[in-house]
Amino acid sequence: MRLIPNWRRAGRMLSVQIAALAVLFAALPVDQQTAILALLGLAPERIPGVLGLAIIVARLIDQPAVSNTATAARSAHPKD
């Protein structure tokens, strides 16, 4: 298994940030999760789909602060 060239900047990736929010949400007590879902008007069974869609969209958005580093890393370390 190899890490992506810009793994050190993973915290800047929108998809990673959304996934981290999902982990934090899952760590909340159920009553707090229910209250947040009620505020957002979401049913609990919709959460996996909403999170999956959000992560996919976030992954497709251009993120210059992240992608510039990846390009530079590939230029500095060409494949053999």
PDB file of N, CA and C in Angstrom:
ATOM      1  N   MET A   1       0.840  -1.172   0.000  1.00  0.00           N
ATOM      2  CA  MET A   1       0.000   0.000   0.000  1.00  0.00           C
ATOM      3  C   MET A   1       0.887   1.237   0.000  1.00  0.00           C
ATOM      4  N   ARG A   2       0.585   2.139  -0.932  1.00  0.00           N
ATOM      5  CA  ARG A   2       1.326   3.403  -1.000  1.00  0.00           C
ATOM      6  C   ARG A   2       0.386   4.552  -0.682  1.00  0.00           C
ATOM      7  N   LEU A   3       0.910   5.537   0.026  1.00  0.00           N
ATOM      8  CA  LEU A   3       0.129   6.735   0.315  1.00  0.00           C
ATOM      9  C   LEU A   3       0.142   7.659  -0.887  1.00  0.00           C
ATOM     10  N   ILE A   4      -0.854   8.531  -0.984  1.00  0.00           N
ATOM     11  CA  ILE A   4      -0.879   9.517  -2.053  1.00  0.00           C
ATOM     12  C   ILE A   4       0.291  10.472  -1.853  1.00  0.00           C
ATOM     13  N   PRO A   5       0.794  11.111  -2.909  1.00  0.00           N
ATOM     14  CA  PRO A   5       1.965  11.979  -2.780  1.00  0.00           C
ATOM     15  C   PRO A   5       1.784  13.127  -1.779  1.00  0.00           C
ATOM     16  N   ASN A   6       0.562  13.635  -1.660  1.00  0.00           N
ATOM     17  CA  ASN A   6       0.341  14.779  -0.778  1.00  0.00           C
ATOM     18  C   ASN A   6      -0.392  14.382   0.507  1.00  0.00           C
ATOM     19  N   TRP A   7      -0.089  13.218   1.036  1.00  0.00           N
ATOM     20  CA  TRP A   7      -0.775  12.733   2.230  1.00  0.00           C
ATOM     21  C   TRP A   7      -0.613  13.651   3.427  1.00  0.00           C
ATOM     22  N   ARG A   8       0.475  14.404   3.481  1.00  0.00           N
ATOM     23  CA  ARG A   8       0.692  15.323   4.610  1.00  0.00           C
ATOM     24  C   ARG A   8      -0.323  16.466   4.618  1.00  0.00           C
ATOM     25  N   ARG A   9      -0.963  16.706   3.488  1.00  0.00           N
ATOM     26  CA  ARG A   9      -1.952  17.775   3.382  1.00  0.00           C
ATOM     27  C   ARG A   9      -3.383  17.226   3.412  1.00  0.00           C
ATOM     28  N   ALA A  10      -3.556  16.022   3.867  1.00  0.00           N
ATOM     29  CA  ALA A  10      -4.883  15.399   3.882  1.00  0.00           C
ATOM     30  C   ALA A  10      -5.882  16.222   4.695  1.00  0.00           C
ATOM     31  N   GLY A  11      -5.428  16.868   5.736  1.00  0.00           N
ATOM     32  CA  GLY A  11      -6.312  17.692   6.559  1.00  0.00           C
ATOM     33  C   GLY A  11      -6.909  18.867   5.807  1.00  0.00           C
ATOM     34  N   ARG A  12      -6.296  19.252   4.710  1.00  0.00           N
ATOM     35  CA  ARG A  12      -6.814  20.348   3.890  1.00  0.00           C
ATOM     36  C   ARG A  12      -7.815  19.871   2.838  1.00  0.00           C
ATOM     37  N   MET A  13      -7.901  18.575   2.651  1.00  0.00           N
ATOM     38  CA  MET A  13      -8.807  18.030   1.646  1.00  0.00           C
ATOM     39  C   MET A  13     -10.235  18.054   2.179  1.00  0.00           C
ATOM     40  N   LEU A  14     -11.125  18.633   1.398  1.00  0.00           N
ATOM     41  CA  LEU A  14     -12.522  18.761   1.804  1.00  0.00           C
ATOM     42  C   LEU A  14     -13.154  17.403   2.070  1.00  0.00           C
ATOM     43  N   SER A  15     -12.819  16.409   1.267  1.00  0.00           N
ATOM     44  CA  SER A  15     -13.393  15.076   1.473  1.00  0.00           C
ATOM     45  C   SER A  15     -12.949  14.481   2.813  1.00  0.00           C
ATOM     46  N   VAL A  16     -11.727  14.726   3.207  1.00  0.00           N
ATOM     47  CA  VAL A  16     -11.227  14.237   4.498  1.00  0.00           C
ATOM     48  C   VAL A  16     -11.908  14.985   5.641  1.00  0.00           C
ATOM     49  N   GLN A  17     -12.127  16.278   5.471  1.00  0.00           N
ATOM     50  CA  GLN A  17     -12.801  17.065   6.504  1.00  0.00           C
ATOM     51  C   GLN A  17     -14.237  16.593   6.711  1.00  0.00           C
ATOM     52  N   ILE A  18     -14.933  16.305   5.621  1.00  0.00           N
ATOM     53  CA  ILE A  18     -16.307  15.806   5.732  1.00  0.00           C
ATOM     54  C   ILE A  18     -16.314  14.435   6.402  1.00  0.00           C
ATOM     55  N   ALA A  19     -15.377  13.574   6.037  1.00  0.00           N
ATOM     56  CA  ALA A  19     -15.290  12.249   6.664  1.00  0.00           C
ATOM     57  C   ALA A  19     -14.993  12.379   8.160  1.00  0.00           C
ATOM     58  N   ALA A  20     -14.145  13.345   8.536  1.00  0.00           N
ATOM     59  CA  ALA A  20     -13.843  13.569   9.954  1.00  0.00           C
ATOM     60  C   ALA A  20     -15.097  14.026  10.705  1.00  0.00           C
ATOM     61  N   LEU A  21     -15.902  14.876  10.073  1.00  0.00           N
ATOM     62  CA  LEU A  21     -17.164  15.298  10.694  1.00  0.00           C
ATOM     63  C   LEU A  21     -18.104  14.109  10.888  1.00  0.00           C
ATOM     64  N   ALA A  22     -18.098  13.193   9.934  1.00  0.00           N
ATOM     65  CA  ALA A  22     -18.930  11.990  10.054  1.00  0.00           C
ATOM     66  C   ALA A  22     -18.488  11.143  11.250  1.00  0.00           C
ATOM     67  N   VAL A  23     -17.188  11.035  11.445  1.00  0.00           N
ATOM     68  CA  VAL A  23     -16.662  10.267  12.582  1.00  0.00           C
ATOM     69  C   VAL A  23     -17.040  10.955  13.902  1.00  0.00           C
ATOM     70  N   LEU A  24     -16.903  12.284  13.940  1.00  0.00           N
ATOM     71  CA  LEU A  24     -17.292  13.027  15.144  1.00  0.00           C
ATOM     72  C   LEU A  24     -18.781  12.882  15.430  1.00  0.00           C
ATOM     73  N   PHE A  25     -19.595  12.954  14.386  1.00  0.00           N
ATOM     74  CA  PHE A  25     -21.036  12.791  14.558  1.00  0.00           C
ATOM     75  C   PHE A  25     -21.356  11.415  15.129  1.00  0.00           C
ATOM     76  N   ALA A  26     -20.694  10.389  14.621  1.00  0.00           N
ATOM     77  CA  ALA A  26     -20.929   9.023  15.097  1.00  0.00           C
ATOM     78  C   ALA A  26     -20.516   8.855  16.557  1.00  0.00           C
ATOM     79  N   ALA A  27     -19.573   9.674  17.023  1.00  0.00           N
ATOM     80  CA  ALA A  27     -19.102   9.581  18.407  1.00  0.00           C
ATOM     81  C   ALA A  27     -20.053  10.268  19.393  1.00  0.00           C
ATOM     82  N   LEU A  28     -20.986  11.067  18.889  1.00  0.00           N
ATOM     83  CA  LEU A  28     -21.943  11.752  19.760  1.00  0.00           C
ATOM     84  C   LEU A  28     -22.958  10.768  20.328  1.00  0.00           C
ATOM     85  N   PRO A  29     -23.493  11.075  21.503  1.00  0.00           N
ATOM     86  CA  PRO A  29     -24.587  10.247  22.021  1.00  0.00           C
ATOM     87  C   PRO A  29     -25.796  10.303  21.076  1.00  0.00           C
ATOM     88  N   VAL A  30     -26.596   9.256  21.089  1.00  0.00           N
ATOM     89  CA  VAL A  30     -27.719   9.143  20.163  1.00  0.00           C
ATOM     90  C   VAL A  30     -28.698  10.304  20.299  1.00  0.00           C
ATOM     91  N   ASP A  31     -28.941  10.772  21.524  1.00  0.00           N
ATOM     92  CA  ASP A  31     -29.891  11.877  21.695  1.00  0.00           C
ATOM     93  C   ASP A  31     -29.381  13.170  21.048  1.00  0.00           C
ATOM     94  N   GLN A  32     -28.085  13.397  21.103  1.00  0.00           N
ATOM     95  CA  GLN A  32     -27.509  14.572  20.433  1.00  0.00           C
ATOM     96  C   GLN A  32     -27.564  14.406  18.914  1.00  0.00           C
ATOM     97  N   GLN A  33     -27.296  13.196  18.425  1.00  0.00           N
ATOM     98  CA  GLN A  33     -27.408  12.938  16.996  1.00  0.00           C
ATOM     99  C   GLN A  33     -28.838  13.213  16.518  1.00  0.00           C
ATOM    100  N   THR A  34     -29.812  12.740  17.293  1.00  0.00           N
ATOM    101  CA  THR A  34     -31.215  12.924  16.942  1.00  0.00           C
ATOM    102  C   THR A  34     -31.574  14.405  16.906  1.00  0.00           C
ATOM    103  N   ALA A  35     -31.083  15.173  17.880  1.00  0.00           N
ATOM    104  CA  ALA A  35     -31.369  16.612  17.933  1.00  0.00           C
ATOM    105  C   ALA A  35     -30.773  17.332  16.713  1.00  0.00           C
ATOM    106  N   ILE A  36     -29.550  16.970  16.340  1.00  0.00           N
ATOM    107  CA  ILE A  36     -28.898  17.594  15.172  1.00  0.00           C
ATOM    108  C   ILE A  36     -29.652  17.242  13.902  1.00  0.00           C
ATOM    109  N   LEU A  37     -30.038  15.981  13.768  1.00  0.00           N
ATOM    110  CA  LEU A  37     -30.791  15.561  12.584  1.00  0.00           C
ATOM    111  C   LEU A  37     -32.138  16.274  12.492  1.00  0.00           C
ATOM    112  N   ALA A  38     -32.773  16.478  13.635  1.00  0.00           N
ATOM    113  CA  ALA A  38     -34.054  17.195  13.658  1.00  0.00           C
ATOM    114  C   ALA A  38     -33.856  18.641  13.202  1.00  0.00           C
ATOM    115  N   LEU A  39     -32.762  19.276  13.643  1.00  0.00           N
ATOM    116  CA  LEU A  39     -32.472  20.646  13.216  1.00  0.00           C
ATOM    117  C   LEU A  39     -32.255  20.728  11.700  1.00  0.00           C
ATOM    118  N   LEU A  40     -31.616  19.709  11.153  1.00  0.00           N
ATOM    119  CA  LEU A  40     -31.320  19.671   9.724  1.00  0.00           C
ATOM    120  C   LEU A  40     -32.476  19.123   8.894  1.00  0.00           C
ATOM    121  N   GLY A  41     -33.469  18.557   9.571  1.00  0.00           N
ATOM    122  CA  GLY A  41     -34.613  17.982   8.865  1.00  0.00           C
ATOM    123  C   GLY A  41     -34.281  16.709   8.114  1.00  0.00           C
ATOM    124  N   LEU A  42     -33.345  15.932   8.650  1.00  0.00           N
ATOM    125  CA  LEU A  42     -32.926  14.680   8.008  1.00  0.00           C
ATOM    126  C   LEU A  42     -33.365  13.481   8.835  1.00  0.00           C
ATOM    127  N   ALA A  43     -33.797  12.442   8.143  1.00  0.00           N
ATOM    128  CA  ALA A  43     -34.112  11.183   8.803  1.00  0.00           C
ATOM    129  C   ALA A  43     -32.811  10.394   8.975  1.00  0.00           C
ATOM    130  N   PRO A  44     -32.671   9.655  10.064  1.00  0.00           N
ATOM    131  CA  PRO A  44     -31.429   8.905  10.307  1.00  0.00           C
ATOM    132  C   PRO A  44     -31.026   7.969   9.167  1.00  0.00           C
ATOM    133  N   GLU A  45     -32.006   7.381   8.482  1.00  0.00           N
ATOM    134  CA  GLU A  45     -31.666   6.448   7.400  1.00  0.00           C
ATOM    135  C   GLU A  45     -31.111   7.153   6.167  1.00  0.00           C
ATOM    136  N   ARG A  46     -31.184   8.465   6.118  1.00  0.00           N
ATOM    137  CA  ARG A  46     -30.653   9.231   4.988  1.00  0.00           C
ATOM    138  C   ARG A  46     -29.183   9.622   5.171  1.00  0.00           C
ATOM    139  N   ILE A  47     -28.654   9.513   6.364  1.00  0.00           N
ATOM    140  CA  ILE A  47     -27.295   9.971   6.672  1.00  0.00           C
ATOM    141  C   ILE A  47     -26.230   9.287   5.810  1.00  0.00           C
ATOM    142  N   PRO A  48     -26.210   7.974   5.657  1.00  0.00           N
ATOM    143  CA  PRO A  48     -25.154   7.377   4.813  1.00  0.00           C
ATOM    144  C   PRO A  48     -25.160   7.919   3.388  1.00  0.00           C
ATOM    145  N   GLY A  49     -26.335   8.083   2.811  1.00  0.00           N
ATOM    146  CA  GLY A  49     -26.417   8.611   1.458  1.00  0.00           C
ATOM    147  C   GLY A  49     -25.956  10.057   1.363  1.00  0.00           C
ATOM    148  N   VAL A  50     -26.369  10.867   2.322  1.00  0.00           N
ATOM    149  CA  VAL A  50     -25.979  12.287   2.332  1.00  0.00           C
ATOM    150  C   VAL A  50     -24.463  12.415   2.509  1.00  0.00           C
ATOM    151  N   LEU A  51     -23.907  11.669   3.447  1.00  0.00           N
ATOM    152  CA  LEU A  51     -22.457  11.724   3.674  1.00  0.00           C
ATOM    153  C   LEU A  51     -21.685  11.198   2.470  1.00  0.00           C
ATOM    154  N   GLY A  52     -22.143  10.114   1.902  1.00  0.00           N
ATOM    155  CA  GLY A  52     -21.475   9.576   0.719  1.00  0.00           C
ATOM    156  C   GLY A  52     -21.475  10.566  -0.428  1.00  0.00           C
ATOM    157  N   LEU A  53     -22.612  11.185  -0.679  1.00  0.00           N
ATOM    158  CA  LEU A  53     -22.710  12.184  -1.740  1.00  0.00           C
ATOM    159  C   LEU A  53     -21.822  13.385  -1.449  1.00  0.00           C
ATOM    160  N   ALA A  54     -21.815  13.846  -0.198  1.00  0.00           N
ATOM    161  CA  ALA A  54     -20.979  14.994   0.173  1.00  0.00           C
ATOM    162  C   ALA A  54     -19.499  14.691  -0.034  1.00  0.00           C
ATOM    163  N   ILE A  55     -19.067  13.492   0.313  1.00  0.00           N
ATOM    164  CA  ILE A  55     -17.660  13.121   0.141  1.00  0.00           C
ATOM    165  C   ILE A  55     -17.304  13.015  -1.340  1.00  0.00           C
ATOM    166  N   ILE A  56     -18.196  12.448  -2.140  1.00  0.00           N
ATOM    167  CA  ILE A  56     -17.937  12.346  -3.583  1.00  0.00           C
ATOM    168  C   ILE A  56     -17.816  13.732  -4.202  1.00  0.00           C
ATOM    169  N   VAL A  57     -18.765  14.609  -3.891  1.00  0.00           N
ATOM    170  CA  VAL A  57     -18.725  15.973  -4.434  1.00  0.00           C
ATOM    171  C   VAL A  57     -17.465  16.697  -3.974  1.00  0.00           C
ATOM    172  N   ALA A  58     -17.132  16.561  -2.690  1.00  0.00           N
ATOM    173  CA  ALA A  58     -15.935  17.226  -2.162  1.00  0.00           C
ATOM    174  C   ALA A  58     -14.671  16.726  -2.852  1.00  0.00           C
ATOM    175  N   ARG A  59     -14.647  15.449  -3.186  1.00  0.00           N
ATOM    176  CA  ARG A  59     -13.466  14.882  -3.853  1.00  0.00           C
ATOM    177  C   ARG A  59     -13.314  15.411  -5.273  1.00  0.00           C
ATOM    178  N   LEU A  60     -14.420  15.771  -5.902  1.00  0.00           N
ATOM    179  CA  LEU A  60     -14.387  16.252  -7.274  1.00  0.00           C
ATOM    180  C   LEU A  60     -14.095  17.742  -7.396  1.00  0.00           C
ATOM    181  N   ILE A  61     -14.223  18.484  -6.298  1.00  0.00           N
ATOM    182  CA  ILE A  61     -13.969  19.928  -6.319  1.00  0.00           C
ATOM    183  C   ILE A  61     -12.471  20.182  -6.376  1.00  0.00           C
ATOM    184  N   ASP A  62     -12.065  21.091  -7.268  1.00  0.00           N
ATOM    185  CA  ASP A  62     -10.651  21.452  -7.374  1.00  0.00           C
ATOM    186  C   ASP A  62     -10.215  22.155  -6.092  1.00  0.00           C
ATOM    187  N   GLN A  63      -9.107  21.701  -5.533  1.00  0.00           N
ATOM    188  CA  GLN A  63      -8.575  22.271  -4.304  1.00  0.00           C
ATOM    189  C   GLN A  63      -7.113  22.642  -4.545  1.00  0.00           C
ATOM    190  N   PRO A  64      -6.866  23.864  -5.061  1.00  0.00           N
ATOM    191  CA  PRO A  64      -5.507  24.259  -5.443  1.00  0.00           C
ATOM    192  C   PRO A  64      -4.476  24.109  -4.326  1.00  0.00           C
ATOM    193  N   ALA A  65      -4.858  24.367  -3.096  1.00  0.00           N
ATOM    194  CA  ALA A  65      -3.901  24.250  -1.988  1.00  0.00           C
ATOM    195  C   ALA A  65      -3.408  22.819  -1.825  1.00  0.00           C
ATOM    196  N   VAL A  66      -4.202  21.863  -2.260  1.00  0.00           N
ATOM    197  CA  VAL A  66      -3.825  20.455  -2.155  1.00  0.00           C
ATOM    198  C   VAL A  66      -3.208  19.966  -3.459  1.00  0.00           C
ATOM    199  N   SER A  67      -3.830  20.297  -4.585  1.00  0.00           N
ATOM    200  CA  SER A  67      -3.382  19.755  -5.869  1.00  0.00           C
ATOM    201  C   SER A  67      -2.047  20.324  -6.329  1.00  0.00           C
ATOM    202  N   ASN A  68      -1.703  21.553  -5.972  1.00  0.00           N
ATOM    203  CA  ASN A  68      -0.400  22.109  -6.344  1.00  0.00           C
ATOM    204  C   ASN A  68       0.724  21.298  -5.732  1.00  0.00           C
ATOM    205  N   THR A  69       0.541  20.854  -4.523  1.00  0.00           N
ATOM    206  CA  THR A  69       1.554  20.044  -3.857  1.00  0.00           C
ATOM    207  C   THR A  69       1.699  18.690  -4.537  1.00  0.00           C
ATOM    208  N   ALA A  70       0.580  18.115  -4.960  1.00  0.00           N
ATOM    209  CA  ALA A  70       0.635  16.806  -5.620  1.00  0.00           C
ATOM    210  C   ALA A  70       1.399  16.905  -6.934  1.00  0.00           C
ATOM    211  N   THR A  71       1.149  17.960  -7.680  1.00  0.00           N
ATOM    212  CA  THR A  71       1.858  18.154  -8.941  1.00  0.00           C
ATOM    213  C   THR A  71       3.350  18.325  -8.700  1.00  0.00           C
ATOM    214  N   ALA A  72       3.697  19.115  -7.704  1.00  0.00           N
ATOM    215  CA  ALA A  72       5.106  19.339  -7.382  1.00  0.00           C
ATOM    216  C   ALA A  72       5.776  18.043  -6.922  1.00  0.00           C
ATOM    217  N   ALA A  73       5.064  17.242  -6.155  1.00  0.00           N
ATOM    218  CA  ALA A  73       5.624  15.978  -5.666  1.00  0.00           C
ATOM    219  C   ALA A  73       5.861  15.013  -6.817  1.00  0.00           C
ATOM    220  N   ARG A  74       4.942  14.966  -7.777  1.00  0.00           N
ATOM    221  CA  ARG A  74       5.130  14.081  -8.928  1.00  0.00           C
ATOM    222  C   ARG A  74       6.299  14.534  -9.782  1.00  0.00           C
ATOM    223  N   SER A  75       6.472  15.852  -9.913  1.00  0.00           N
ATOM    224  CA  SER A  75       7.593  16.376 -10.705  1.00  0.00           C
ATOM    225  C   SER A  75       8.920  16.075 -10.031  1.00  0.00           C
ATOM    226  N   ALA A  76       8.942  16.166  -8.722  1.00  0.00           N
ATOM    227  CA  ALA A  76      10.179  15.948  -7.979  1.00  0.00           C
ATOM    228  C   ALA A  76      10.558  14.472  -7.899  1.00  0.00           C
ATOM    229  N   HIS A  77       9.556  13.577  -7.954  1.00  0.00           N
ATOM    230  CA  HIS A  77       9.814  12.150  -7.843  1.00  0.00           C
ATOM    231  C   HIS A  77       9.164  11.391  -9.002  1.00  0.00           C
ATOM    232  N   PRO A  78       9.721  11.489 -10.194  1.00  0.00           N
ATOM    233  CA  PRO A  78       9.124  10.763 -11.325  1.00  0.00           C
ATOM    234  C   PRO A  78       9.225   9.265 -11.097  1.00  0.00           C
ATOM    235  N   LYS A  79       8.269   8.530 -11.687  1.00  0.00           N
ATOM    236  CA  LYS A  79       8.278   7.073 -11.557  1.00  0.00           C
ATOM    237  C   LYS A  79       9.452   6.473 -12.316  1.00  0.00           C
ATOM    238  N   ASP A  80       9.929   5.357 -11.806  1.00  0.00           N
ATOM    239  CA  ASP A  80      11.057   4.671 -12.455  1.00  0.00           C
ATOM    240  C   ASP A  80      10.618   3.933 -13.682  1.00  0.00           C
TER     241      ASP A  80
END
